[in-house]
Amino acid sequence: MEVLKNKTVLLADDDLDVITQLTIQLKNYGMNVIAVESQKEAEEVIEKTKPDIAIIDLMMENLDSGFILSYKMKNKYPEVPVIIITAVTADTGMVFGVDTEEERKWIKADLYLEKGLRPEQLEMEMIRLLKQ
């Protein structure tokens, strides 16, 4: 958990319950959390601040908000890990991933996770991404 201490995470999700739960979890790891509720707010943060890692919801005001934000983040800060979280598979049955080279070309995220993930899974993945 030392890897996460004092790191800044950008958390973008339009679901206040998710923001509240993840903010508590991330602060328990010793992280600084910048939580926003929209793609627009996240874009403003990206312009002014370089987070150490970003956790972005896929669908906010646009169906592809997470893809757009991930793309913008990687253009400005290519070294910052981006995790896209979503309930889209549960909601629609559509499946996304960043497992193949082709998927990584258009989905600029480092990791794609379904919402409802266990706290220890998110912690483990963030540590892995920040150590790369």
N, C-alpha and C. Protein backbone atom coordinates (compact mmCIF):
# COMPACT_ATOMS: atom_id res chain seq x y z
N MET A 1 0.83 -1.20 0.00
CA MET A 1 0.00 0.00 0.00
C MET A 1 0.87 1.26 0.00
N GLU A 2 2.13 1.14 0.36
CA GLU A 2 3.06 2.28 0.38
C GLU A 2 3.11 2.94 -0.99
N VAL A 3 2.97 2.14 -2.05
CA VAL A 3 3.04 2.66 -3.42
C VAL A 3 1.94 3.70 -3.66
N LEU A 4 0.79 3.54 -3.02
CA LEU A 4 -0.35 4.42 -3.24
C LEU A 4 -0.33 5.68 -2.37
N LYS A 5 0.41 5.63 -1.28
CA LYS A 5 0.42 6.74 -0.32
C LYS A 5 0.87 8.04 -0.97
N ASN A 6 0.07 9.09 -0.74
CA ASN A 6 0.33 10.46 -1.24
C ASN A 6 0.25 10.59 -2.76
N LYS A 7 -0.23 9.56 -3.45
CA LYS A 7 -0.45 9.67 -4.89
C LYS A 7 -1.78 10.38 -5.13
N THR A 8 -1.85 11.12 -6.22
CA THR A 8 -3.09 11.82 -6.57
C THR A 8 -3.85 11.01 -7.62
N VAL A 9 -5.12 10.76 -7.34
CA VAL A 9 -5.97 10.02 -8.27
C VAL A 9 -7.10 10.92 -8.75
N LEU A 10 -7.30 10.95 -10.06
CA LEU A 10 -8.46 11.61 -10.63
C LEU A 10 -9.56 10.57 -10.72
N LEU A 11 -10.68 10.84 -10.07
CA LEU A 11 -11.83 9.94 -10.07
C LEU A 11 -12.98 10.65 -10.76
N ALA A 12 -13.42 10.13 -11.89
CA ALA A 12 -14.51 10.75 -12.65
C ALA A 12 -15.65 9.75 -12.82
N ASP A 13 -16.81 10.08 -12.25
CA ASP A 13 -17.98 9.21 -12.36
C ASP A 13 -19.22 10.05 -12.08
N ASP A 14 -20.28 9.83 -12.84
CA ASP A 14 -21.50 10.60 -12.62
C ASP A 14 -22.41 9.98 -11.56
N ASP A 15 -21.99 8.87 -10.99
CA ASP A 15 -22.76 8.20 -9.93
C ASP A 15 -22.17 8.59 -8.58
N LEU A 16 -22.93 9.40 -7.82
CA LEU A 16 -22.42 9.90 -6.53
C LEU A 16 -22.12 8.78 -5.55
N ASP A 17 -22.87 7.68 -5.60
CA ASP A 17 -22.59 6.55 -4.71
C ASP A 17 -21.21 5.97 -5.00
N VAL A 18 -20.89 5.83 -6.28
CA VAL A 18 -19.58 5.29 -6.67
C VAL A 18 -18.48 6.26 -6.22
N ILE A 19 -18.68 7.55 -6.46
CA ILE A 19 -17.69 8.55 -6.04
C ILE A 19 -17.47 8.47 -4.53
N THR A 20 -18.55 8.42 -3.77
CA THR A 20 -18.44 8.37 -2.31
C THR A 20 -17.69 7.12 -1.85
N GLN A 21 -18.10 5.95 -2.36
CA GLN A 21 -17.46 4.70 -1.95
C GLN A 21 -15.98 4.67 -2.33
N LEU A 22 -15.69 5.03 -3.58
CA LEU A 22 -14.29 4.97 -4.02
C LEU A 22 -13.43 6.03 -3.34
N THR A 23 -13.99 7.21 -3.08
CA THR A 23 -13.23 8.25 -2.40
C THR A 23 -12.80 7.77 -1.02
N ILE A 24 -13.72 7.17 -0.28
CA ILE A 24 -13.40 6.64 1.05
C ILE A 24 -12.31 5.57 0.93
N GLN A 25 -12.49 4.66 0.00
CA GLN A 25 -11.53 3.57 -0.20
C GLN A 25 -10.15 4.12 -0.55
N LEU A 26 -10.10 5.05 -1.51
CA LEU A 26 -8.81 5.59 -1.97
C LEU A 26 -8.12 6.40 -0.88
N LYS A 27 -8.90 7.16 -0.12
CA LYS A 27 -8.32 7.94 1.00
C LYS A 27 -7.77 7.01 2.08
N ASN A 28 -8.42 5.86 2.26
CA ASN A 28 -7.91 4.87 3.22
C ASN A 28 -6.55 4.34 2.81
N TYR A 29 -6.25 4.39 1.50
CA TYR A 29 -4.93 3.98 1.01
C TYR A 29 -3.92 5.11 1.15
N GLY A 30 -4.37 6.28 1.63
CA GLY A 30 -3.48 7.42 1.78
C GLY A 30 -3.37 8.27 0.53
N MET A 31 -4.31 8.09 -0.40
CA MET A 31 -4.26 8.81 -1.67
C MET A 31 -4.98 10.16 -1.57
N ASN A 32 -4.55 11.10 -2.41
CA ASN A 32 -5.25 12.36 -2.58
C ASN A 32 -6.25 12.16 -3.72
N VAL A 33 -7.51 12.48 -3.48
CA VAL A 33 -8.56 12.21 -4.47
C VAL A 33 -9.11 13.51 -5.04
N ILE A 34 -9.09 13.61 -6.36
CA ILE A 34 -9.79 14.69 -7.06
C ILE A 34 -11.00 14.03 -7.70
N ALA A 35 -12.18 14.24 -7.11
CA ALA A 35 -13.40 13.58 -7.59
C ALA A 35 -14.25 14.58 -8.37
N VAL A 36 -14.65 14.17 -9.57
CA VAL A 36 -15.51 15.00 -10.42
C VAL A 36 -16.67 14.15 -10.93
N GLU A 37 -17.75 14.82 -11.32
CA GLU A 37 -18.98 14.12 -11.69
C GLU A 37 -19.29 14.17 -13.18
N SER A 38 -18.38 14.67 -14.00
CA SER A 38 -18.69 14.76 -15.43
C SER A 38 -17.42 14.75 -16.26
N GLN A 39 -17.61 14.45 -17.53
CA GLN A 39 -16.50 14.50 -18.49
C GLN A 39 -15.95 15.92 -18.55
N LYS A 40 -16.85 16.91 -18.58
CA LYS A 40 -16.43 18.32 -18.67
C LYS A 40 -15.53 18.70 -17.49
N GLU A 41 -15.94 18.34 -16.27
CA GLU A 41 -15.13 18.65 -15.09
C GLU A 41 -13.78 17.93 -15.14
N ALA A 42 -13.79 16.69 -15.58
CA ALA A 42 -12.55 15.92 -15.67
C ALA A 42 -11.60 16.56 -16.67
N GLU A 43 -12.13 17.04 -17.81
CA GLU A 43 -11.29 17.71 -18.80
C GLU A 43 -10.64 18.96 -18.22
N GLU A 44 -11.40 19.69 -17.39
CA GLU A 44 -10.84 20.89 -16.74
C GLU A 44 -9.71 20.52 -15.78
N VAL A 45 -9.88 19.43 -15.05
CA VAL A 45 -8.83 18.97 -14.13
C VAL A 45 -7.58 18.58 -14.92
N ILE A 46 -7.77 17.82 -16.00
CA ILE A 46 -6.64 17.36 -16.82
C ILE A 46 -5.83 18.54 -17.36
N GLU A 47 -6.52 19.63 -17.69
CA GLU A 47 -5.83 20.82 -18.20
C GLU A 47 -4.88 21.43 -17.17
N LYS A 48 -5.26 21.37 -15.88
CA LYS A 48 -4.51 22.07 -14.83
C LYS A 48 -3.64 21.17 -13.96
N THR A 49 -3.99 19.88 -13.92
CA THR A 49 -3.36 18.98 -12.95
C THR A 49 -2.94 17.68 -13.60
N LYS A 50 -1.77 17.19 -13.20
CA LYS A 50 -1.33 15.88 -13.66
C LYS A 50 -1.49 14.89 -12.49
N PRO A 51 -2.53 14.06 -12.56
CA PRO A 51 -2.67 13.06 -11.50
C PRO A 51 -1.64 11.94 -11.67
N ASP A 52 -1.47 11.13 -10.65
CA ASP A 52 -0.59 9.97 -10.75
C ASP A 52 -1.29 8.80 -11.43
N ILE A 53 -2.63 8.77 -11.31
CA ILE A 53 -3.44 7.70 -11.88
C ILE A 53 -4.86 8.25 -12.04
N ALA A 54 -5.62 7.68 -12.98
CA ALA A 54 -7.00 8.12 -13.18
C ALA A 54 -7.93 6.91 -13.21
N ILE A 55 -9.10 7.09 -12.58
CA ILE A 55 -10.16 6.08 -12.62
C ILE A 55 -11.37 6.80 -13.21
N ILE A 56 -11.80 6.34 -14.38
CA ILE A 56 -12.80 7.06 -15.15
C ILE A 56 -13.96 6.13 -15.51
N ASP A 57 -15.17 6.61 -15.24
CA ASP A 57 -16.37 5.89 -15.64
C ASP A 57 -16.51 5.97 -17.16
N LEU A 58 -16.97 4.90 -17.78
CA LEU A 58 -17.12 4.90 -19.24
C LEU A 58 -18.25 5.82 -19.69
N MET A 59 -19.44 5.66 -19.09
CA MET A 59 -20.60 6.43 -19.56
C MET A 59 -20.98 7.49 -18.54
N MET A 60 -20.77 8.75 -18.94
CA MET A 60 -21.22 9.88 -18.12
C MET A 60 -22.20 10.67 -18.97
N GLU A 61 -21.90 11.96 -19.25
CA GLU A 61 -22.87 12.69 -20.07
C GLU A 61 -22.90 12.21 -21.51
N ASN A 62 -21.84 11.53 -21.94
CA ASN A 62 -21.82 10.90 -23.25
C ASN A 62 -21.59 9.40 -23.06
N LEU A 63 -22.07 8.60 -24.00
CA LEU A 63 -21.90 7.15 -23.90
C LEU A 63 -20.43 6.74 -23.94
N ASP A 64 -19.59 7.62 -24.52
CA ASP A 64 -18.16 7.29 -24.64
C ASP A 64 -17.27 8.26 -23.86
N SER A 65 -17.81 8.89 -22.82
CA SER A 65 -17.04 9.85 -22.03
C SER A 65 -15.71 9.29 -21.55
N GLY A 66 -15.73 8.05 -21.07
CA GLY A 66 -14.51 7.44 -20.57
C GLY A 66 -13.45 7.26 -21.64
N PHE A 67 -13.88 6.88 -22.84
CA PHE A 67 -12.92 6.73 -23.94
C PHE A 67 -12.32 8.08 -24.31
N ILE A 68 -13.17 9.12 -24.35
CA ILE A 68 -12.70 10.47 -24.70
C ILE A 68 -11.70 10.97 -23.65
N LEU A 69 -12.05 10.82 -22.37
CA LEU A 69 -11.17 11.27 -21.29
C LEU A 69 -9.85 10.50 -21.29
N SER A 70 -9.93 9.20 -21.48
CA SER A 70 -8.73 8.39 -21.52
C SER A 70 -7.81 8.85 -22.65
N TYR A 71 -8.39 9.10 -23.81
CA TYR A 71 -7.63 9.58 -24.96
C TYR A 71 -6.95 10.91 -24.65
N LYS A 72 -7.72 11.85 -24.06
CA LYS A 72 -7.16 13.17 -23.74
C LYS A 72 -6.07 13.06 -22.68
N MET A 73 -6.28 12.22 -21.69
CA MET A 73 -5.29 12.02 -20.63
C MET A 73 -4.00 11.47 -21.22
N LYS A 74 -4.11 10.45 -22.07
CA LYS A 74 -2.92 9.82 -22.64
C LYS A 74 -2.19 10.75 -23.62
N ASN A 75 -2.93 11.62 -24.29
CA ASN A 75 -2.28 12.60 -25.17
C ASN A 75 -1.44 13.59 -24.37
N LYS A 76 -1.98 14.04 -23.24
CA LYS A 76 -1.29 15.05 -22.44
C LYS A 76 -0.26 14.41 -21.50
N TYR A 77 -0.61 13.31 -20.89
CA TYR A 77 0.25 12.63 -19.91
C TYR A 77 0.33 11.13 -20.26
N PRO A 78 1.11 10.76 -21.27
CA PRO A 78 1.12 9.35 -21.71
C PRO A 78 1.52 8.35 -20.63
N GLU A 79 2.28 8.82 -19.63
CA GLU A 79 2.76 7.90 -18.60
C GLU A 79 1.76 7.67 -17.47
N VAL A 80 0.68 8.43 -17.43
CA VAL A 80 -0.30 8.29 -16.34
C VAL A 80 -1.23 7.10 -16.62
N PRO A 81 -1.26 6.12 -15.71
CA PRO A 81 -2.16 4.98 -15.91
C PRO A 81 -3.63 5.40 -15.85
N VAL A 82 -4.43 4.84 -16.73
CA VAL A 82 -5.87 5.13 -16.77
C VAL A 82 -6.63 3.81 -16.63
N ILE A 83 -7.56 3.81 -15.67
CA ILE A 83 -8.45 2.67 -15.47
C ILE A 83 -9.85 3.13 -15.84
N ILE A 84 -10.48 2.44 -16.77
CA ILE A 84 -11.88 2.73 -17.08
C ILE A 84 -12.73 1.73 -16.31
N ILE A 85 -13.71 2.26 -15.56
CA ILE A 85 -14.65 1.39 -14.84
C ILE A 85 -16.03 1.57 -15.46
N THR A 86 -16.80 0.51 -15.47
CA THR A 86 -18.12 0.61 -16.10
C THR A 86 -19.04 -0.50 -15.64
N ALA A 87 -20.32 -0.23 -15.83
CA ALA A 87 -21.34 -1.25 -15.64
C ALA A 87 -21.97 -1.58 -16.99
N VAL A 88 -21.31 -1.15 -18.08
CA VAL A 88 -21.92 -1.29 -19.41
C VAL A 88 -22.19 -2.74 -19.79
N THR A 89 -21.33 -3.67 -19.40
CA THR A 89 -21.56 -5.07 -19.74
C THR A 89 -22.80 -5.59 -19.01
N ALA A 90 -22.92 -5.24 -17.73
CA ALA A 90 -24.10 -5.65 -16.97
C ALA A 90 -25.36 -4.98 -17.52
N ASP A 91 -25.24 -3.72 -17.95
CA ASP A 91 -26.39 -2.97 -18.44
C ASP A 91 -26.79 -3.34 -19.87
N THR A 92 -25.81 -3.62 -20.73
CA THR A 92 -26.11 -3.78 -22.16
C THR A 92 -25.68 -5.11 -22.74
N GLY A 93 -24.77 -5.81 -22.05
CA GLY A 93 -24.23 -7.05 -22.60
C GLY A 93 -23.04 -6.82 -23.53
N MET A 94 -22.73 -5.52 -23.83
CA MET A 94 -21.57 -5.22 -24.67
C MET A 94 -20.31 -5.44 -23.85
N VAL A 95 -19.29 -6.00 -24.46
CA VAL A 95 -18.04 -6.28 -23.76
C VAL A 95 -16.91 -5.50 -24.41
N PHE A 96 -16.13 -4.82 -23.57
CA PHE A 96 -14.95 -4.09 -24.03
C PHE A 96 -13.75 -4.65 -23.30
N GLY A 97 -12.58 -4.33 -23.79
CA GLY A 97 -11.39 -4.73 -23.09
C GLY A 97 -10.18 -4.05 -23.69
N VAL A 98 -9.05 -4.22 -23.06
CA VAL A 98 -7.79 -3.70 -23.59
C VAL A 98 -6.77 -4.84 -23.63
N ASP A 99 -7.27 -5.99 -24.05
CA ASP A 99 -6.44 -7.19 -24.06
C ASP A 99 -5.63 -7.34 -25.33
N THR A 100 -6.14 -6.83 -26.44
CA THR A 100 -5.42 -6.99 -27.71
C THR A 100 -4.80 -5.66 -28.13
N GLU A 101 -3.83 -5.74 -29.01
CA GLU A 101 -3.17 -4.53 -29.52
C GLU A 101 -4.18 -3.62 -30.22
N GLU A 102 -5.10 -4.22 -30.96
CA GLU A 102 -6.12 -3.45 -31.67
C GLU A 102 -7.01 -2.67 -30.70
N GLU A 103 -7.43 -3.35 -29.62
CA GLU A 103 -8.27 -2.67 -28.62
C GLU A 103 -7.50 -1.52 -27.97
N ARG A 104 -6.22 -1.73 -27.69
CA ARG A 104 -5.42 -0.68 -27.04
C ARG A 104 -5.20 0.52 -27.95
N LYS A 105 -5.29 0.31 -29.27
CA LYS A 105 -5.11 1.42 -30.21
C LYS A 105 -6.24 2.43 -30.09
N TRP A 106 -7.46 1.97 -29.89
CA TRP A 106 -8.57 2.91 -29.84
C TRP A 106 -9.09 3.13 -28.42
N ILE A 107 -8.86 2.19 -27.52
CA ILE A 107 -9.18 2.41 -26.11
C ILE A 107 -7.84 2.68 -25.44
N LYS A 108 -7.60 3.94 -25.12
CA LYS A 108 -6.28 4.34 -24.63
C LYS A 108 -6.05 4.00 -23.16
N ALA A 109 -6.98 3.30 -22.55
CA ALA A 109 -6.84 2.98 -21.13
C ALA A 109 -5.83 1.85 -20.92
N ASP A 110 -5.29 1.80 -19.72
CA ASP A 110 -4.37 0.73 -19.34
C ASP A 110 -5.12 -0.49 -18.82
N LEU A 111 -6.32 -0.25 -18.30
CA LEU A 111 -7.08 -1.33 -17.68
C LEU A 111 -8.56 -1.01 -17.79
N TYR A 112 -9.34 -2.03 -17.91
CA TYR A 112 -10.79 -1.91 -18.04
C TYR A 112 -11.42 -2.82 -17.00
N LEU A 113 -12.19 -2.26 -16.06
CA LEU A 113 -12.77 -3.06 -14.98
C LEU A 113 -14.28 -2.86 -14.90
N GLU A 114 -14.98 -3.93 -14.58
CA GLU A 114 -16.42 -3.85 -14.34
C GLU A 114 -16.66 -3.27 -12.95
N LYS A 115 -17.69 -2.43 -12.85
CA LYS A 115 -18.06 -1.89 -11.53
C LYS A 115 -18.49 -3.02 -10.62
N GLY A 116 -18.37 -2.77 -9.33
CA GLY A 116 -18.70 -3.79 -8.36
C GLY A 116 -17.47 -4.62 -8.02
N LEU A 117 -16.29 -4.11 -8.44
CA LEU A 117 -15.07 -4.86 -8.17
C LEU A 117 -14.73 -4.78 -6.68
N ARG A 118 -14.05 -5.77 -6.23
CA ARG A 118 -13.65 -5.81 -4.82
C ARG A 118 -12.57 -4.77 -4.55
N PRO A 119 -12.61 -4.13 -3.38
CA PRO A 119 -11.60 -3.11 -3.05
C PRO A 119 -10.17 -3.62 -3.18
N GLU A 120 -9.91 -4.85 -2.77
CA GLU A 120 -8.54 -5.37 -2.84
C GLU A 120 -8.11 -5.58 -4.29
N GLN A 121 -9.07 -5.85 -5.19
CA GLN A 121 -8.74 -6.00 -6.61
C GLN A 121 -8.30 -4.65 -7.18
N LEU A 122 -9.05 -3.59 -6.88
CA LEU A 122 -8.68 -2.26 -7.36
C LEU A 122 -7.33 -1.85 -6.80
N GLU A 123 -7.12 -2.09 -5.51
CA GLU A 123 -5.84 -1.74 -4.87
C GLU A 123 -4.68 -2.46 -5.56
N MET A 124 -4.83 -3.75 -5.79
CA MET A 124 -3.78 -4.56 -6.42
C MET A 124 -3.48 -4.04 -7.84
N GLU A 125 -4.53 -3.73 -8.61
CA GLU A 125 -4.35 -3.25 -9.98
C GLU A 125 -3.67 -1.88 -10.00
N MET A 126 -4.04 -0.99 -9.08
CA MET A 126 -3.42 0.33 -9.04
C MET A 126 -1.93 0.22 -8.69
N ILE A 127 -1.62 -0.63 -7.73
CA ILE A 127 -0.21 -0.83 -7.35
C ILE A 127 0.57 -1.35 -8.55
N ARG A 128 -0.01 -2.33 -9.25
CA ARG A 128 0.66 -2.90 -10.43
C ARG A 128 0.91 -1.83 -11.49
N LEU A 129 -0.09 -1.00 -11.77
CA LEU A 129 0.05 0.03 -12.80
C LEU A 129 1.05 1.11 -12.40
N LEU A 130 1.06 1.47 -11.13
CA LEU A 130 1.97 2.53 -10.68
C LEU A 130 3.42 2.07 -10.59
N LYS A 131 3.63 0.77 -10.50
CA LYS A 131 5.01 0.23 -10.42
C LYS A 131 5.63 0.04 -11.80
N GLN A 132 4.83 0.09 -12.86
CA GLN A 132 5.36 -0.17 -14.22
C GLN A 132 6.30 0.92 -14.66
